[in-house]
């Protein structure tokens, strides 16, 4: 695969994200309640219907008054969370409970344990405005956009939505995702299909619905028929194998005859990943080697399902030098992390001894034992011992 056929991962993600927008527009909209929002993709923008909280309120038990007033202050009333706040004038204060609304003139709360009250007067008062006060609209302002169409919702978002008074949401139906494994040896049962099961699990984790995986032999007509049939019956299709330049690699040829997005990425393992829109349906064709397929799925295909392009990382210190084979490539090096130390899984001193000083992406790509890694380091340069690296934990992308 020549360099001019490859794109940077950032370019591939940009094109995948554009395809996602089109795919989402083609699926139906349904309404869900908050207890079923996790993983769902919004069909419309969501705006706060009102200010929340609807008033300033106290975050401590104590005394509320205007910060600019000078003591002593006459304590004229007491406010509980369920009360309507009274009007107060200059030189007055109210006793207030946590969660109670402040009178309109009050803008600070003195903690009860710091207050001195004698003969109905608060004699200690020297606060800045806003002290121990939760301001009106701090959680959300009326008509503020909280979420945008296309955002993927998480369980924690239910708390905010309930707080602002939203009980149901318009979301897109989950993608129906076809999975096709190519290869005569898989089709005939001579080799196990190592990719389809983990892809189905990723699709579910990303909030969508995989259908039963299909296999197809390395026959050009069969591959074309299977892919085109899958696109006719699914919202998205994932394939494995057939993306390189061998005589049995027919998937790339099928995608090239439609609307290609890219035909390879500067990423190893995972370089042959290819994508196209086939009769309106996005197809991501992953390499056949399991680790290459997984890396390409989580680093290139994931935004198609989740809309997320960010990668959370943790810092670790490498145990060994690991050189990279070529320049102008991004390498995903699986690592095991223990006590802040990262060991490249594949290094001769690891539990998977595949190479000595230089990373061997082809060997790592084929070894399912590499799935025992805790995450991977994305790098274009050598990993050096005792120089901190950023590790992408697998839970952050799976």
Protein backbone atom coordinates (compact mmCIF):
# COMPACT_ATOMS: atom_id res chain seq x y z
CA UNK A 1 0.00 0.00 0.00
CA UNK A 2 1.73 3.19 -1.16
CA UNK A 3 2.02 6.34 0.94
CA UNK A 4 -0.19 8.37 -1.40
CA UNK A 5 -3.11 6.04 -0.66
CA UNK A 6 -2.86 6.70 3.07
CA UNK A 7 -4.43 9.55 5.03
CA UNK A 8 -3.70 10.80 8.52
CA UNK A 9 -5.96 9.42 11.21
CA UNK A 10 -7.34 12.92 11.81
CA UNK A 11 -8.46 13.11 8.16
CA UNK A 12 -10.07 9.67 8.34
CA UNK A 13 -11.96 10.68 11.50
CA UNK A 14 -13.16 13.90 9.90
CA UNK A 15 -14.60 11.97 6.95
CA UNK A 16 -16.10 9.31 9.20
CA UNK A 17 -17.77 11.99 11.31
CA UNK A 18 -19.33 13.56 8.21
CA UNK A 19 -20.67 10.15 7.21
CA UNK A 20 -22.16 9.79 10.70
CA UNK A 21 -24.17 12.98 10.30
CA UNK A 22 -25.68 11.67 7.07
CA UNK A 23 -26.39 8.25 8.57
CA UNK A 24 -28.11 9.74 11.63
CA UNK A 25 -30.35 11.87 9.43
CA UNK A 26 -31.60 8.72 7.74
CA UNK A 27 -32.76 6.88 10.86
CA UNK A 28 -36.07 7.42 12.62
CA UNK A 29 -36.65 9.56 15.72
CA UNK A 30 -38.20 8.09 18.86
CA UNK A 31 -38.92 9.43 22.33
CA UNK A 32 -37.23 7.93 25.41
CA UNK A 33 -37.59 8.55 29.12
CA UNK A 34 -34.61 9.48 31.25
CA UNK A 35 -34.10 5.99 32.63
CA UNK A 36 -33.39 4.78 29.10
CA UNK A 37 -31.18 7.57 27.73
CA UNK A 38 -27.73 5.97 28.14
CA UNK A 39 -25.95 5.67 24.82
CA UNK A 40 -28.76 7.29 22.84
CA UNK A 41 -28.05 9.99 20.26
CA UNK A 42 -30.13 13.15 20.35
CA UNK A 43 -32.24 13.97 17.32
CA UNK A 44 -32.69 17.63 18.30
CA UNK A 45 -31.02 20.30 20.37
CA UNK A 46 -32.08 20.31 24.02
CA UNK A 47 -32.65 23.67 25.74
CA UNK A 48 -33.35 24.41 29.40
CA UNK A 49 -37.02 25.39 29.76
CA UNK A 50 -36.31 27.67 32.76
CA UNK A 51 -33.65 29.02 35.08
CA UNK A 52 -32.32 26.38 37.48
CA UNK A 53 -32.19 27.13 40.28
CA UNK A 54 -35.04 29.63 39.81
CA UNK A 55 -33.59 31.88 42.53
CA UNK A 56 -30.43 32.39 44.56
CA UNK A 57 -30.30 30.00 47.51
CA UNK A 58 -28.18 29.40 50.56
CA UNK A 59 -25.53 26.66 50.54
CA UNK A 60 -25.07 26.89 54.33
CA UNK A 61 -27.26 27.33 57.42
CA UNK A 62 -26.74 30.86 58.65
CA UNK A 63 -27.79 34.45 58.05
CA UNK A 64 -28.52 36.17 54.72
CA UNK A 65 -28.24 39.85 53.97
CA UNK A 66 -26.76 42.31 51.49
CA UNK A 67 -22.96 42.17 51.54
CA UNK A 68 -22.74 45.95 51.34
CA UNK A 69 -24.69 46.50 54.58
CA UNK A 70 -22.88 47.44 57.78
CA UNK A 71 -23.52 45.65 61.08
CA UNK A 72 -25.38 45.45 63.29
CA UNK A 73 -28.21 44.01 61.22
CA UNK A 74 -31.71 43.41 62.55
CA UNK A 75 -32.73 39.76 62.17
CA UNK A 76 -36.29 40.11 60.93
CA UNK A 77 -37.35 36.65 59.72
CA UNK A 78 -36.43 32.99 59.22
CA UNK A 79 -36.52 31.11 55.88
CA UNK A 80 -36.79 27.34 55.25
CA UNK A 81 -36.24 25.66 51.86
CA UNK A 82 -39.97 25.43 51.21
CA UNK A 83 -40.67 29.11 51.98
CA UNK A 84 -41.19 32.05 49.69
CA UNK A 85 -38.50 34.60 50.62
CA UNK A 86 -39.69 37.86 52.21
CA UNK A 87 -38.59 41.30 51.13
CA UNK A 88 -35.96 42.83 53.39
CA UNK A 89 -34.71 46.36 53.70
CA UNK A 90 -31.34 47.95 54.29
CA UNK A 91 -29.75 47.00 57.59
CA UNK A 92 -31.72 43.78 58.01
CA UNK A 93 -30.93 40.06 57.79
CA UNK A 94 -32.80 36.78 57.89
CA UNK A 95 -31.93 33.46 59.44
CA UNK A 96 -31.75 30.95 56.59
CA UNK A 97 -31.48 27.16 56.12
CA UNK A 98 -29.38 25.35 53.56
CA UNK A 99 -31.33 25.22 50.29
CA UNK A 100 -33.64 28.08 51.18
CA UNK A 101 -34.21 30.93 48.69
CA UNK A 102 -32.58 34.26 49.44
CA UNK A 103 -34.61 37.47 49.70
CA UNK A 104 -34.19 39.53 46.56
CA UNK A 105 -31.91 42.08 48.26
CA UNK A 106 -29.67 39.50 49.97
CA UNK A 107 -26.53 38.33 48.19
CA UNK A 108 -24.41 36.61 50.86
CA UNK A 109 -24.80 34.09 53.67
CA UNK A 110 -22.79 34.03 56.90
CA UNK A 111 -22.34 30.53 58.30
CA UNK A 112 -24.24 30.03 61.53
CA UNK A 113 -21.13 28.99 63.46
CA UNK A 114 -19.41 32.26 62.49
CA UNK A 115 -22.34 34.48 63.46
CA UNK A 116 -22.81 36.47 66.65
CA UNK A 117 -26.41 37.44 67.43
CA UNK A 118 -27.38 39.49 70.43
CA UNK A 119 -30.77 41.06 71.24
CA UNK A 120 -32.09 40.18 67.78
CA UNK A 121 -29.15 41.78 65.96
CA UNK A 122 -26.43 40.19 63.84
CA UNK A 123 -23.26 41.93 64.99
CA UNK A 124 -20.76 40.07 62.80
CA UNK A 125 -21.02 40.83 59.07
CA UNK A 126 -18.12 41.22 56.66
CA UNK A 127 -18.66 39.12 53.53
CA UNK A 128 -18.17 39.44 49.79
CA UNK A 129 -21.24 39.19 47.59
CA UNK A 130 -21.88 35.59 46.55
CA UNK A 131 -20.42 34.00 49.69
CA UNK A 132 -22.21 30.71 50.41
CA UNK A 133 -24.78 31.41 47.68
CA UNK A 134 -25.81 29.27 44.72
CA UNK A 135 -26.81 31.79 42.09
CA UNK A 136 -29.99 31.71 40.03
CA UNK A 137 -29.38 29.99 36.69
CA UNK A 138 -26.06 28.50 37.80
CA UNK A 139 -27.18 25.01 36.79
CA UNK A 140 -28.92 26.22 33.65
CA UNK A 141 -30.29 29.45 32.26
CA UNK A 142 -33.66 29.58 30.55
CA UNK A 143 -33.34 28.62 26.86
CA UNK A 144 -29.66 27.70 27.28
CA UNK A 145 -28.63 24.88 24.94
CA UNK A 146 -27.57 21.98 27.11
CA UNK A 147 -27.04 19.39 24.38
CA UNK A 148 -26.77 19.50 20.61
CA UNK A 149 -28.40 17.23 18.07
CA UNK A 150 -26.02 14.33 17.51
CA UNK A 151 -24.70 14.29 21.08
CA UNK A 152 -24.49 10.87 22.70
CA UNK A 153 -26.02 10.82 26.17
CA UNK A 154 -24.50 9.24 29.26
CA UNK A 155 -26.23 8.01 32.46
CA UNK A 156 -25.08 11.07 34.45
CA UNK A 157 -26.96 13.40 32.10
CA UNK A 158 -30.28 12.17 33.50
CA UNK A 159 -29.60 14.13 36.71
CA UNK A 160 -29.24 17.45 34.87
CA UNK A 161 -32.24 16.82 32.62
CA UNK A 162 -34.48 15.91 35.54
CA UNK A 163 -33.26 18.97 37.43
CA UNK A 164 -34.27 21.34 34.64
CA UNK A 165 -37.66 19.66 34.24
CA UNK A 166 -37.19 17.53 31.13
CA UNK A 167 -38.65 14.02 31.35
CA UNK A 168 -38.44 12.69 27.78
CA UNK A 169 -36.07 13.22 24.89
CA UNK A 170 -36.18 12.84 21.08
CA UNK A 171 -33.41 10.44 20.05
CA UNK A 172 -32.39 8.61 16.91
CA UNK A 173 -33.05 4.93 16.60
CA UNK A 174 -29.94 2.91 17.25
CA UNK A 175 -27.96 1.93 14.17
CA UNK A 176 -28.58 -1.58 12.91
CA UNK A 177 -25.05 -2.72 12.19
CA UNK A 178 -24.12 -5.50 9.79
CA UNK A 179 -20.87 -7.39 10.43
CA UNK A 180 -19.21 -9.34 7.61
CA UNK A 181 -16.07 -11.45 8.01
CA UNK A 182 -14.31 -12.26 4.75
CA UNK A 183 -11.96 -15.15 4.09
CA UNK A 184 -12.42 -18.61 2.62
CA UNK A 185 -10.65 -20.19 5.59
CA UNK A 186 -13.22 -18.60 7.93
CA UNK A 187 -16.16 -19.34 5.66
CA UNK A 188 -15.18 -23.01 5.48
CA UNK A 189 -14.49 -23.25 9.21
CA UNK A 190 -10.78 -23.96 8.86
CA UNK A 191 -9.94 -20.86 10.90
CA UNK A 192 -11.99 -19.23 13.66
CA UNK A 193 -13.55 -15.84 13.10
CA UNK A 194 -11.54 -13.86 15.67
CA UNK A 195 -13.03 -10.45 14.89
CA UNK A 196 -16.82 -10.53 14.65
CA UNK A 197 -17.54 -11.23 18.33
CA UNK A 198 -15.47 -8.36 19.65
CA UNK A 199 -16.90 -6.06 16.98
CA UNK A 200 -20.44 -6.98 18.03
CA UNK A 201 -19.53 -6.18 21.63
CA UNK A 202 -18.01 -2.84 20.65
CA UNK A 203 -21.12 -1.93 18.67
CA UNK A 204 -23.30 -2.66 21.72
CA UNK A 205 -20.97 -0.75 24.01
CA UNK A 206 -21.16 2.21 21.64
CA UNK A 207 -24.95 2.20 21.87
CA UNK A 208 -26.06 0.38 18.72
CA UNK A 209 -27.39 -3.01 17.63
CA UNK A 210 -25.24 -5.59 15.82
CA UNK A 211 -26.95 -8.24 13.76
CA UNK A 212 -25.74 -11.82 13.43
CA UNK A 213 -22.30 -11.79 11.77
CA UNK A 214 -21.98 -13.20 8.27
CA UNK A 215 -18.99 -14.82 6.60
CA UNK A 216 -18.10 -14.83 2.93
CA UNK A 217 -15.38 -16.63 0.96
CA UNK A 218 -12.64 -14.84 -0.98
CA UNK A 219 -14.64 -14.70 -4.17
CA UNK A 220 -15.03 -11.28 -5.83
CA UNK A 221 -18.67 -11.75 -6.78
CA UNK A 222 -19.61 -13.20 -3.39
CA UNK A 223 -17.87 -10.39 -1.52
CA UNK A 224 -19.58 -7.75 -3.64
CA UNK A 225 -23.01 -9.35 -3.29
CA UNK A 226 -22.66 -9.79 0.47
CA UNK A 227 -21.51 -6.22 1.12
CA UNK A 228 -24.15 -4.67 -1.09
CA UNK A 229 -26.85 -6.84 0.46
CA UNK A 230 -25.66 -5.87 3.96
CA UNK A 231 -25.79 -2.17 3.11
CA UNK A 232 -29.32 -2.54 1.79
CA UNK A 233 -30.48 -3.94 5.14
CA UNK A 234 -28.42 -2.03 7.71
CA UNK A 235 -27.60 1.52 8.73
CA UNK A 236 -23.85 0.81 9.02
CA UNK A 237 -21.69 -2.13 7.93
CA UNK A 238 -18.38 -3.33 9.36
CA UNK A 239 -16.27 -5.84 7.48
CA UNK A 240 -13.03 -7.60 8.37
CA UNK A 241 -10.32 -8.83 6.02
CA UNK A 242 -9.82 -8.22 2.33
CA UNK A 243 -8.48 -4.67 2.71
CA UNK A 244 -4.86 -5.15 1.70
CA UNK A 245 -3.44 -5.61 -1.81
CA UNK A 246 -3.29 -9.40 -2.10
CA UNK A 247 -5.00 -11.41 -4.80
CA UNK A 248 -7.72 -12.48 -2.34
CA UNK A 249 -8.37 -8.97 -0.97
CA UNK A 250 -11.62 -7.99 -2.70
CA UNK A 251 -13.29 -5.70 -0.16
CA UNK A 252 -11.23 -2.67 -1.13
CA UNK A 253 -12.21 -3.15 -4.77
CA UNK A 254 -15.90 -3.19 -3.90
CA UNK A 255 -15.65 -0.01 -1.84
CA UNK A 256 -13.60 1.73 -4.53
CA UNK A 257 -16.53 1.27 -6.93
CA UNK A 258 -18.84 3.31 -4.69
CA UNK A 259 -18.09 6.52 -2.76
CA UNK A 260 -14.73 6.05 -1.04
CA UNK A 261 -13.89 8.04 2.09
CA UNK A 262 -10.31 6.83 2.40
CA UNK A 263 -8.25 3.78 1.39
CA UNK A 264 -5.84 3.37 4.26
CA UNK A 265 -4.61 5.31 7.29
CA UNK A 266 -1.11 6.15 8.54
CA UNK A 267 -1.65 3.92 11.54
CA UNK A 268 -0.05 0.64 12.56
CA UNK A 269 -1.45 -1.80 13.38
CA UNK A 270 -4.56 -0.93 11.37
CA UNK A 271 -3.10 0.66 8.25
CA UNK A 272 -5.35 -1.06 5.65
CA UNK A 273 -8.60 0.23 7.22
CA UNK A 274 -10.80 1.51 4.41
CA UNK A 275 -14.16 3.25 4.33
CA UNK A 276 -16.80 4.20 1.78
CA UNK A 277 -20.46 5.02 1.46
CA UNK A 278 -22.19 2.21 -0.40
CA UNK A 279 -25.64 3.10 -1.69
CA UNK A 280 -26.06 5.59 1.16
CA UNK A 281 -24.74 3.30 3.90
CA UNK A 282 -21.35 3.86 5.60
CA UNK A 283 -19.05 0.84 5.39
CA UNK A 284 -15.85 0.57 7.40
CA UNK A 285 -13.60 -2.25 6.21
CA UNK A 286 -11.18 -3.33 8.93
CA UNK A 287 -8.03 -5.44 8.57
CA UNK A 288 -8.39 -9.15 9.22
CA UNK A 289 -5.71 -9.50 11.90
CA UNK A 290 -7.52 -9.18 15.23
CA UNK A 291 -5.37 -6.55 16.95
CA UNK A 292 -5.18 -4.50 13.77
CA UNK A 293 -8.96 -4.75 13.43
CA UNK A 294 -9.48 -3.71 17.03
CA UNK A 295 -7.07 -0.76 16.87
CA UNK A 296 -8.66 0.46 13.64
CA UNK A 297 -12.13 0.03 15.13
CA UNK A 298 -11.48 2.04 18.31
CA UNK A 299 -9.29 4.71 16.69
CA UNK A 300 -11.03 5.17 13.33
CA UNK A 301 -14.52 3.64 13.37
CA UNK A 302 -15.59 4.63 16.90
CA UNK A 303 -16.56 8.24 16.00
CA UNK A 304 -19.07 6.87 13.48
CA UNK A 305 -20.98 5.31 16.36
CA UNK A 306 -20.31 7.66 19.28
CA UNK A 307 -19.45 11.01 17.73
CA UNK A 308 -16.47 11.15 20.08
CA UNK A 309 -13.01 11.89 18.76
CA UNK A 310 -11.20 12.56 22.03
CA UNK A 311 -8.87 10.05 23.67
CA UNK A 312 -8.55 10.02 27.45
CA UNK A 313 -5.09 9.09 28.71
CA UNK A 314 -3.17 8.24 31.84
CA UNK A 315 0.53 8.87 32.36
CA UNK A 316 2.98 6.02 32.84
CA UNK A 317 6.73 5.49 32.73
CA UNK A 318 8.05 2.95 30.18
CA UNK A 319 10.22 0.09 31.31
CA UNK A 320 12.09 -0.36 28.01
CA UNK A 321 13.23 1.35 24.85
CA UNK A 322 10.95 0.54 21.92
CA UNK A 323 11.94 1.92 18.53
CA UNK A 324 9.44 2.58 15.71
CA UNK A 325 9.97 1.11 12.22
CA UNK A 326 9.24 4.11 10.00
CA UNK A 327 8.74 7.83 10.16
CA UNK A 328 5.44 9.50 9.21
CA UNK A 329 3.41 6.78 10.87
CA UNK A 330 1.34 6.67 14.03
CA UNK A 331 1.91 3.52 16.04
CA UNK A 332 -0.43 2.02 18.62
CA UNK A 333 1.80 0.06 21.01
CA UNK A 334 -0.12 -2.21 23.43
CA UNK A 335 1.15 -1.89 27.00
CA UNK A 336 0.57 -3.44 30.39
CA UNK A 337 0.56 -0.90 33.23
CA UNK A 338 1.40 -1.73 36.83
CA UNK A 339 2.27 0.75 39.58
CA UNK A 340 2.68 3.52 37.03
CA UNK A 341 5.15 1.53 34.90
CA UNK A 342 4.32 0.59 31.31
CA UNK A 343 5.65 -2.55 29.63
CA UNK A 344 5.12 -2.95 25.90
CA UNK A 345 3.25 -6.21 25.41
CA UNK A 346 5.31 -7.72 22.64
CA UNK A 347 8.70 -6.64 23.97
CA UNK A 348 11.06 -9.54 24.64
CA UNK A 349 10.83 -8.91 28.39
CA UNK A 350 7.02 -9.02 28.43
CA UNK A 351 4.68 -12.00 28.64
CA UNK A 352 4.40 -11.84 24.83
CA UNK A 353 8.01 -11.85 23.54
CA UNK A 354 7.72 -10.88 19.85
CA UNK A 355 10.47 -8.30 19.34
CA UNK A 356 13.54 -6.88 21.04
CA UNK A 357 14.25 -3.16 20.52
CA UNK A 358 11.94 -2.31 17.64
CA UNK A 359 8.15 -2.49 17.57
CA UNK A 360 6.82 -5.13 15.17
CA UNK A 361 3.24 -4.07 14.35
CA UNK A 362 2.64 -6.97 11.98
CA UNK A 363 3.51 -9.56 14.63
CA UNK A 364 1.53 -7.80 17.35
CA UNK A 365 -1.47 -7.40 15.02
CA UNK A 366 -1.84 -11.16 14.66
CA UNK A 367 -1.53 -12.13 18.34
CA UNK A 368 -4.78 -12.28 20.29
CA UNK A 369 -2.70 -12.42 23.48
CA UNK A 370 -2.10 -8.71 22.94
CA UNK A 371 -5.72 -8.19 24.05
CA UNK A 372 -4.41 -8.71 27.60
CA UNK A 373 -2.87 -5.22 27.43
CA UNK A 374 -4.35 -2.47 29.59
CA UNK A 375 -4.20 0.08 26.79
CA UNK A 376 -1.87 1.45 24.17
CA UNK A 377 0.58 4.25 23.56
CA UNK A 378 0.03 6.32 20.41
CA UNK A 379 3.36 7.58 19.14
CA UNK A 380 5.33 8.45 16.02
CA UNK A 381 8.67 8.29 17.80
CA UNK A 382 10.57 5.80 19.94
CA UNK A 383 9.43 5.05 23.45
CA UNK A 384 12.26 5.68 25.88
CA UNK A 385 12.64 4.27 29.39
CA UNK A 386 11.91 6.73 32.20
CA UNK A 387 10.38 9.28 29.80
CA UNK A 388 6.68 9.57 30.61
CA UNK A 389 4.16 8.48 28.00
CA UNK A 390 0.39 8.91 27.64
CA UNK A 391 -1.47 5.60 27.70
CA UNK A 392 -4.96 5.30 26.22
CA UNK A 393 -6.75 2.82 28.52
CA UNK A 394 -8.93 0.38 26.63
CA UNK A 395 -12.04 1.24 28.72
CA UNK A 396 -11.76 4.80 27.38
CA UNK A 397 -12.41 3.66 23.81
CA UNK A 398 -14.34 0.40 24.12
